[in-house]
Amino acid sequence: MKKRLFLIPATIAICCIVGLAGCSSSSTAVKLALDSNWYRYTRSKGFQDYFVEDSGSKYYSGEELEFDVSFDDSAASNPYYSVDYQGGHYKTTFHGTTFDTSAYVLSDYAESYSEAGSITAYYYKTELTFDSVTFTMASGETKSFDGDKAITECYFLSCDDYLRPLYSRQEIVSHSPAAYEPESIDDAYMNVDCTYTTYYTYDGYNATVKYVDNLDSSNSDSTEYDIDADDTFFDNSCMEISIRAMSDLSDSLSQSVSLFVPKAGMLTYYYIGEDTAMDDEDLASVSSLLAEQDLFRPTTTKDNDGNTVTSTVGTVAVSVEGTGNLASIYQTYWFAEIESRTNNLGRATMLGISSPLSYSLGTLKYTLSSINSTLWDGITTED
């Protein structure tokens, strides 16, 4: 049986900051097949002006999505304690921009950027917040916390350069499950308040991670890594975009990938396409949102009883899998299906996430709730 492992750049901080484990990556110089599935013409490997905020294009439009995050404990089976998340919200921001080397390059790495000139990079930011997190022991004893959040940022190059990362940052404040059978309520959760900042050389062969522990400064440190950049690898803060960029973004997808995780270095995971359907109510809701932005054009038919039936958007489900100490716990992403490589209406927009907690405590469910701005601008001349 294939073992599975939980890993989401933002929710990882809230749910299992100490749970990262995977296969150590091996070196066989593998370049992955990637497409810009957020563009109308997916085979375009570089940047489109209308997606770069400082390009001067009058058609500029970045992507900003918001998701409701609810907690489902219907399948929770931990007999020792429970957890509850309230007021969950997830926001993603994605666009191209000029990479500021004066702000995001480590001084020791400046020389590696000296001949690069002006660098256009993708910028991806995620913001996960909760109003409150509550832990309850079987005895009835409870503890609640507010202000949990995980904010990630990442700058990385285009598909021409295999989404090679340049910089990332993770800001984490969380109270996450710490054990299956805690002896007391204080053993049930782990409090984390920290930041990870990762600086890469321009060629991708070296990285330095600066860790700041806001609860105990004596734990703060800086770690240097050597990377085999002959292989395609991604920073885990842009994992959602790397899934979206898979050339075979379909239920037949089966791809091993190397993710640089600041807590652990380079690890290997697996992107696996599945035929898992979204909940019918959620699918109808996200289809309506996409249709409002011309990211989906529904059709209507009559059923056998003469009732009008409106179509819903086609979806692709992808799970992230691995091996380690959280075997059998994994997350699933849903994206809008790519029906045409030359007229990609839905732009492989992310529609939802299912993210199980560790220790049989339940599942966090993300559902697209707002499309504040999108890459689709309704024109065909510039994209």
Protein backbone atom coordinates (compact mmCIF):
# COMPACT_ATOMS: atom_id res chain seq x y z
CA MET A 1 0.00 0.00 0.00
CA LYS A 2 1.24 3.46 -0.85
CA LYS A 3 1.93 5.58 2.23
CA ARG A 4 0.85 9.20 2.22
CA LEU A 5 2.01 12.33 3.96
CA PHE A 6 0.44 15.65 4.82
CA LEU A 7 2.14 18.73 3.36
CA ILE A 8 0.58 22.10 2.56
CA PRO A 9 2.74 25.22 2.69
CA ALA A 10 0.27 27.30 4.69
CA THR A 11 -1.71 24.74 6.65
CA ILE A 12 1.38 22.80 7.57
CA ALA A 13 2.17 25.45 10.14
CA ILE A 14 -1.23 25.26 11.80
CA CYS A 15 -1.66 21.50 11.72
CA CYS A 16 1.71 19.78 12.04
CA ILE A 17 4.73 22.04 12.08
CA VAL A 18 6.87 19.22 13.45
CA GLY A 19 5.42 16.57 11.16
CA LEU A 20 7.54 17.12 8.09
CA ALA A 21 9.21 14.01 6.83
CA GLY A 22 9.65 12.57 3.39
CA CYS A 23 12.05 10.67 1.24
CA SER A 24 15.47 12.25 0.89
CA SER A 25 15.79 13.29 -2.73
CA SER A 26 18.21 11.46 -4.97
CA SER A 27 20.15 12.99 -7.85
CA THR A 28 19.51 11.79 -11.39
CA ALA A 29 19.24 15.18 -13.18
CA VAL A 30 15.51 15.23 -13.89
CA LYS A 31 13.80 18.17 -15.59
CA LEU A 32 10.04 18.09 -15.27
CA ALA A 33 7.53 18.90 -18.00
CA LEU A 34 5.87 22.15 -16.92
CA ASP A 35 3.27 24.39 -18.55
CA SER A 36 1.95 27.83 -17.63
CA ASN A 37 -1.55 26.50 -16.97
CA TRP A 38 -2.66 29.87 -15.61
CA TYR A 39 -2.48 31.39 -19.12
CA ARG A 40 -4.95 31.04 -22.00
CA TYR A 41 -2.21 29.37 -24.07
CA THR A 42 -0.73 26.91 -21.60
CA ARG A 43 2.38 26.06 -23.64
CA SER A 44 3.71 29.59 -23.14
CA LYS A 45 6.75 29.11 -20.90
CA GLY A 46 7.67 32.73 -20.14
CA PHE A 47 5.84 35.72 -18.70
CA GLN A 48 2.83 37.40 -20.28
CA ASP A 49 2.88 41.21 -19.92
CA TYR A 50 -0.72 41.37 -18.74
CA PHE A 51 0.24 39.28 -15.69
CA VAL A 52 3.30 41.35 -14.69
CA GLU A 53 2.31 44.24 -12.44
CA ASP A 54 5.05 46.65 -13.50
CA SER A 55 5.14 45.74 -17.21
CA GLY A 56 3.20 48.81 -18.25
CA SER A 57 0.46 46.72 -19.88
CA LYS A 58 -2.91 48.45 -19.73
CA TYR A 59 -4.45 44.99 -19.41
CA TYR A 60 -2.54 44.03 -16.24
CA SER A 61 -4.50 41.76 -13.93
CA GLY A 62 -3.09 39.58 -11.19
CA GLU A 63 -4.93 36.74 -9.48
CA GLU A 64 -6.38 37.08 -5.98
CA LEU A 65 -8.55 34.30 -4.57
CA GLU A 66 -10.22 33.82 -1.19
CA PHE A 67 -11.37 30.59 0.43
CA ASP A 68 -13.61 29.79 3.35
CA VAL A 69 -11.90 27.32 5.69
CA SER A 70 -14.23 25.12 7.71
CA PHE A 71 -13.46 22.30 10.12
CA ASP A 72 -15.09 18.89 9.70
CA ASP A 73 -14.81 16.51 12.66
CA SER A 74 -17.43 14.04 11.44
CA ALA A 75 -14.76 11.40 10.82
CA ALA A 76 -12.58 12.28 13.83
CA SER A 77 -11.83 9.21 15.94
CA ASN A 78 -9.31 10.33 18.56
CA PRO A 79 -10.77 9.20 21.93
CA TYR A 80 -8.45 11.34 24.05
CA TYR A 81 -9.13 14.87 22.87
CA SER A 82 -10.67 16.97 20.11
CA VAL A 83 -9.83 20.20 18.36
CA ASP A 84 -12.01 22.85 16.76
CA TYR A 85 -11.10 25.64 14.31
CA GLN A 86 -13.38 28.65 13.94
CA GLY A 87 -13.34 31.60 11.53
CA GLY A 88 -10.92 30.08 9.02
CA HIS A 89 -9.93 32.12 5.96
CA TYR A 90 -7.36 31.54 3.21
CA LYS A 91 -6.22 34.09 0.63
CA THR A 92 -3.84 33.63 -2.29
CA THR A 93 -2.14 36.30 -4.41
CA PHE A 94 -0.33 35.44 -7.64
CA HIS A 95 1.25 37.66 -10.31
CA GLY A 96 4.52 38.52 -12.02
CA THR A 97 6.79 41.35 -10.89
CA THR A 98 10.34 42.69 -11.02
CA PHE A 99 12.40 40.86 -8.41
CA ASP A 100 14.03 43.32 -5.98
CA THR A 101 17.56 41.98 -5.53
CA SER A 102 18.38 44.70 -2.98
CA ALA A 103 15.64 43.41 -0.65
CA TYR A 104 15.54 39.66 -1.23
CA VAL A 105 19.09 38.54 -1.98
CA LEU A 106 21.50 37.54 0.79
CA SER A 107 24.67 39.62 0.66
CA ASP A 108 26.76 36.44 0.37
CA TYR A 109 24.79 35.54 -2.76
CA ALA A 110 24.87 38.95 -4.44
CA GLU A 111 27.63 37.97 -6.86
CA SER A 112 25.51 35.14 -8.27
CA TYR A 113 22.94 37.77 -9.36
CA SER A 114 25.48 40.26 -10.71
CA GLU A 115 25.09 39.28 -14.37
CA ALA A 116 21.38 38.48 -14.30
CA GLY A 117 20.25 42.02 -15.01
CA SER A 118 16.62 42.92 -14.35
CA ILE A 119 14.77 39.78 -13.22
CA THR A 120 11.09 39.17 -13.76
CA ALA A 121 9.71 36.63 -11.30
CA TYR A 122 6.42 35.21 -10.17
CA TYR A 123 5.21 36.25 -6.72
CA TYR A 124 2.91 33.93 -4.76
CA LYS A 125 1.55 34.76 -1.32
CA THR A 126 -0.79 32.78 0.91
CA GLU A 127 -2.48 33.95 4.10
CA LEU A 128 -4.20 31.45 6.39
CA THR A 129 -5.92 32.79 9.52
CA PHE A 130 -8.27 31.48 12.21
CA ASP A 131 -10.36 33.39 14.71
CA SER A 132 -9.86 30.69 17.32
CA VAL A 133 -8.48 27.20 17.91
CA THR A 134 -9.86 25.14 20.82
CA PHE A 135 -8.50 21.93 22.33
CA THR A 136 -10.85 19.81 24.49
CA MET A 137 -9.83 16.78 26.52
CA ALA A 138 -12.17 13.82 26.94
CA SER A 139 -12.56 14.98 30.55
CA GLY A 140 -14.07 18.23 29.30
CA GLU A 141 -11.08 20.48 30.07
CA THR A 142 -10.57 23.05 27.30
CA LYS A 143 -8.10 25.66 26.14
CA SER A 144 -8.71 28.21 23.39
CA PHE A 145 -6.32 30.42 21.46
CA ASP A 146 -6.80 33.22 18.97
CA GLY A 147 -4.56 34.73 16.33
CA ASP A 148 -3.30 31.54 14.68
CA LYS A 149 -1.94 32.30 11.20
CA ALA A 150 0.46 31.15 8.53
CA ILE A 151 1.66 33.62 5.90
CA THR A 152 3.94 32.49 3.10
CA GLU A 153 5.63 34.40 0.29
CA CYS A 154 7.72 33.12 -2.58
CA TYR A 155 9.48 34.59 -5.63
CA PHE A 156 10.33 32.14 -8.42
CA LEU A 157 11.14 32.10 -12.12
CA SER A 158 8.95 31.10 -15.07
CA CYS A 159 8.42 27.65 -16.58
CA ASP A 160 11.32 28.48 -18.90
CA ASP A 161 13.47 28.10 -15.77
CA TYR A 162 11.35 25.35 -14.19
CA LEU A 163 9.88 27.69 -11.53
CA ARG A 164 13.29 27.86 -9.84
CA PRO A 165 12.92 29.70 -6.51
CA LEU A 166 14.77 32.89 -5.59
CA TYR A 167 13.37 33.72 -2.14
CA SER A 168 10.69 32.58 0.28
CA ARG A 169 9.41 33.45 3.73
CA GLN A 170 7.04 31.69 6.13
CA GLU A 171 5.57 33.48 9.15
CA ILE A 172 3.88 31.07 11.55
CA VAL A 173 1.84 31.55 14.72
CA SER A 174 0.04 28.34 15.60
CA HIS A 175 -1.27 25.97 18.21
CA SER A 176 -1.19 22.61 16.45
CA PRO A 177 -1.95 19.04 17.56
CA ALA A 178 1.13 17.52 19.23
CA ALA A 179 0.26 13.92 20.16
CA TYR A 180 -2.30 11.19 19.73
CA GLU A 181 -2.65 10.44 23.45
CA PRO A 182 -1.59 13.50 25.47
CA GLU A 183 -1.24 13.14 29.24
CA SER A 184 -2.70 16.60 29.83
CA ILE A 185 -4.26 19.39 27.79
CA ASP A 186 -0.92 21.20 27.73
CA ASP A 187 0.57 18.13 26.02
CA ALA A 188 -2.17 18.16 23.36
CA TYR A 189 -0.86 21.16 21.46
CA MET A 190 2.41 22.74 20.44
CA ASN A 191 2.74 26.51 20.37
CA VAL A 192 4.85 27.93 17.55
CA ASP A 193 5.68 31.55 16.78
CA CYS A 194 8.48 31.76 14.24
CA THR A 195 9.64 32.77 10.77
CA TYR A 196 11.65 30.92 8.14
CA THR A 197 13.36 33.00 5.45
CA THR A 198 15.06 31.16 2.59
CA TYR A 199 17.56 32.86 0.28
CA TYR A 200 18.73 31.13 -2.92
CA THR A 201 21.65 31.78 -5.21
CA TYR A 202 20.48 32.76 -8.67
CA ASP A 203 21.56 29.41 -10.15
CA GLY A 204 19.73 27.53 -7.39
CA TYR A 205 22.71 25.50 -6.19
CA ASN A 206 22.81 27.00 -2.70
CA ALA A 207 20.28 28.12 -0.12
CA THR A 208 20.47 29.70 3.32
CA VAL A 209 17.58 29.41 5.75
CA LYS A 210 17.33 31.93 8.57
CA TYR A 211 15.08 30.72 11.38
CA VAL A 212 13.77 33.09 14.04
CA ASP A 213 12.02 31.63 17.10
CA ASN A 214 9.96 34.40 18.67
CA LEU A 215 9.26 32.29 21.76
CA ASP A 216 12.87 31.38 22.48
CA SER A 217 15.58 33.39 20.73
CA SER A 218 18.23 30.82 21.71
CA ASN A 219 16.65 28.45 19.14
CA SER A 220 17.10 30.90 16.25
CA ASP A 221 19.72 29.87 13.74
CA SER A 222 20.94 30.02 10.15
CA THR A 223 21.52 26.90 8.03
CA GLU A 224 23.21 26.58 4.64
CA TYR A 225 22.26 23.91 2.10
CA ASP A 226 23.84 22.63 -1.08
CA ILE A 227 21.27 21.81 -3.77
CA ASP A 228 21.46 19.72 -6.91
CA ALA A 229 19.81 22.30 -9.15
CA ASP A 230 20.33 20.09 -12.20
CA ASP A 231 17.06 18.55 -11.02
CA THR A 232 13.81 20.50 -11.05
CA PHE A 233 12.89 21.50 -7.52
CA PHE A 234 10.35 23.84 -5.96
CA ASP A 235 10.21 25.85 -2.77
CA ASN A 236 7.35 24.42 -0.72
CA SER A 237 5.83 27.91 -0.38
CA CYS A 238 4.88 27.76 -4.07
CA MET A 239 3.80 24.12 -4.04
CA GLU A 240 0.26 24.98 -5.10
CA ILE A 241 1.59 26.72 -8.21
CA SER A 242 3.95 23.84 -8.98
CA ILE A 243 1.00 21.42 -8.97
CA ARG A 244 -0.91 23.81 -11.22
CA ALA A 245 2.08 23.84 -13.60
CA MET A 246 2.17 20.08 -14.20
CA SER A 247 1.93 19.41 -17.95
CA ASP A 248 -0.25 16.40 -17.22
CA LEU A 249 -2.64 18.14 -14.85
CA SER A 250 -5.24 15.38 -14.97
CA ASP A 251 -6.41 12.33 -13.05
CA SER A 252 -3.59 10.37 -14.73
CA LEU A 253 -0.87 12.56 -13.18
CA SER A 254 1.86 10.62 -11.39
CA GLN A 255 4.97 12.68 -10.74
CA SER A 256 7.70 12.62 -8.10
CA VAL A 257 8.88 16.11 -7.16
CA SER A 258 11.60 17.64 -5.01
CA LEU A 259 10.41 20.28 -2.55
CA PHE A 260 12.77 22.45 -0.53
CA VAL A 261 11.28 22.63 2.97
CA PRO A 262 13.07 25.16 5.21
CA LYS A 263 12.69 22.98 8.29
CA ALA A 264 14.20 19.92 6.65
CA GLY A 265 15.95 20.74 3.36
CA MET A 266 15.20 18.87 0.13
CA LEU A 267 12.52 16.18 0.30
CA THR A 268 10.77 14.07 -2.31
CA TYR A 269 6.99 13.91 -2.62
CA TYR A 270 4.51 12.68 -5.21
CA TYR A 271 1.77 14.49 -7.10
CA ILE A 272 -0.94 11.96 -7.87
CA GLY A 273 -4.00 12.69 -10.00
CA GLU A 274 -7.28 11.29 -8.69
CA ASP A 275 -10.91 11.10 -9.81
CA THR A 276 -12.14 12.35 -6.43
CA ALA A 277 -15.14 14.61 -6.92
CA MET A 278 -15.82 17.83 -5.06
CA ASP A 279 -18.92 17.99 -2.88
CA ASP A 280 -21.92 18.73 -5.13
CA GLU A 281 -22.90 21.89 -3.24
CA ASP A 282 -19.33 23.23 -3.30
CA LEU A 283 -18.99 22.38 -6.99
CA ALA A 284 -22.13 24.34 -7.82
CA SER A 285 -20.88 27.29 -5.77
CA VAL A 286 -17.40 27.47 -7.34
CA SER A 287 -18.89 26.98 -10.82
CA SER A 288 -21.06 30.05 -10.27
CA LEU A 289 -18.05 32.08 -9.10
CA LEU A 290 -16.03 31.07 -12.16
CA ALA A 291 -18.92 31.85 -14.50
CA GLU A 292 -19.19 35.37 -13.05
CA GLN A 293 -15.55 35.97 -14.05
CA ASP A 294 -15.87 34.29 -17.48
CA LEU A 295 -13.62 31.47 -16.29
CA PHE A 296 -16.42 29.00 -17.02
CA ARG A 297 -19.31 29.06 -19.48
CA PRO A 298 -22.09 26.79 -18.25
CA THR A 299 -24.58 25.09 -20.51
CA THR A 300 -28.15 24.10 -19.76
CA THR A 301 -30.01 20.94 -20.71
CA LYS A 302 -33.30 19.27 -19.82
CA ASP A 303 -33.40 16.10 -17.76
CA ASN A 304 -35.90 13.27 -18.32
CA ASP A 305 -38.48 15.12 -16.24
CA GLY A 306 -38.14 18.31 -18.23
CA ASN A 307 -36.23 20.14 -15.50
CA THR A 308 -33.45 22.55 -16.49
CA VAL A 309 -29.99 21.29 -15.52
CA THR A 310 -27.04 23.68 -15.48
CA SER A 311 -23.58 22.20 -16.03
CA THR A 312 -20.76 22.55 -13.52
CA VAL A 313 -17.07 23.10 -14.16
CA GLY A 314 -14.87 20.09 -14.82
CA THR A 315 -12.31 19.53 -12.06
CA VAL A 316 -8.99 17.77 -11.52
CA ALA A 317 -8.03 16.41 -8.10
CA VAL A 318 -4.37 16.03 -7.11
CA SER A 319 -3.06 14.56 -3.87
CA VAL A 320 0.41 15.15 -2.44
CA GLU A 321 1.89 11.93 -1.17
CA GLY A 322 5.06 10.74 0.49
CA THR A 323 6.40 8.55 3.24
CA GLY A 324 7.25 9.36 6.84
CA ASN A 325 5.89 9.68 10.32
CA LEU A 326 2.49 10.88 9.10
CA ALA A 327 1.76 7.98 6.78
CA SER A 328 -1.83 7.75 5.54
CA ILE A 329 -2.47 11.47 6.09
CA TYR A 330 -2.47 13.54 2.90
CA GLN A 331 -4.15 16.53 1.32
CA THR A 332 -6.08 16.85 -1.91
CA TYR A 333 -6.31 19.89 -4.19
CA TRP A 334 -8.99 20.62 -6.79
CA PHE A 335 -8.29 22.71 -9.90
CA ALA A 336 -10.44 23.74 -12.85
CA GLU A 337 -9.96 21.24 -15.66
CA ILE A 338 -7.91 22.26 -18.70
CA GLU A 339 -10.22 21.55 -21.65
CA SER A 340 -8.09 23.29 -24.28
CA ARG A 341 -4.35 23.98 -24.34
CA THR A 342 -4.84 26.91 -26.71
CA ASN A 343 -7.95 28.43 -25.12
CA ASN A 344 -7.67 27.58 -21.44
CA LEU A 345 -10.79 29.30 -20.16
CA GLY A 346 -10.61 28.16 -16.52
CA ARG A 347 -6.89 28.91 -16.13
CA ALA A 348 -6.55 25.83 -13.87
CA THR A 349 -7.89 27.99 -11.05
CA MET A 350 -7.56 26.37 -7.62
CA LEU A 351 -11.05 25.56 -6.32
CA GLY A 352 -10.55 23.82 -3.01
CA ILE A 353 -8.38 21.79 -0.63
CA SER A 354 -9.08 18.94 1.76
CA SER A 355 -6.47 18.86 4.52
CA PRO A 356 -6.70 16.17 7.21
CA LEU A 357 -5.20 16.92 10.61
CA SER A 358 -2.83 14.49 12.23
CA TYR A 359 -3.83 12.14 15.06
CA SER A 360 -7.34 11.39 13.68
CA LEU A 361 -8.71 14.78 14.73
CA GLY A 362 -10.66 15.83 11.63
CA THR A 363 -10.21 17.70 8.36
CA LEU A 364 -9.82 21.32 7.30
CA LYS A 365 -11.86 22.04 4.19
CA TYR A 366 -11.02 24.99 1.92
CA THR A 367 -13.64 26.16 -0.59
CA LEU A 368 -13.24 29.00 -3.08
CA SER A 369 -15.48 31.84 -1.89
CA SER A 370 -14.35 34.92 -3.83
CA ILE A 371 -12.43 35.76 -7.00
CA ASN A 372 -11.23 39.30 -6.35
CA SER A 373 -9.18 39.46 -9.54
CA THR A 374 -8.15 36.97 -12.19
CA LEU A 375 -5.78 36.46 -15.08
CA TRP A 376 -8.69 36.17 -17.47
CA ASP A 377 -9.32 39.60 -18.97
CA GLY A 378 -11.63 38.64 -21.81
CA ILE A 379 -9.20 39.65 -24.56
CA THR A 380 -7.22 37.56 -27.01
CA THR A 381 -4.74 40.07 -28.40
CA GLU A 382 -2.15 40.06 -25.64
CA ASP A 383 -2.42 36.60 -24.11
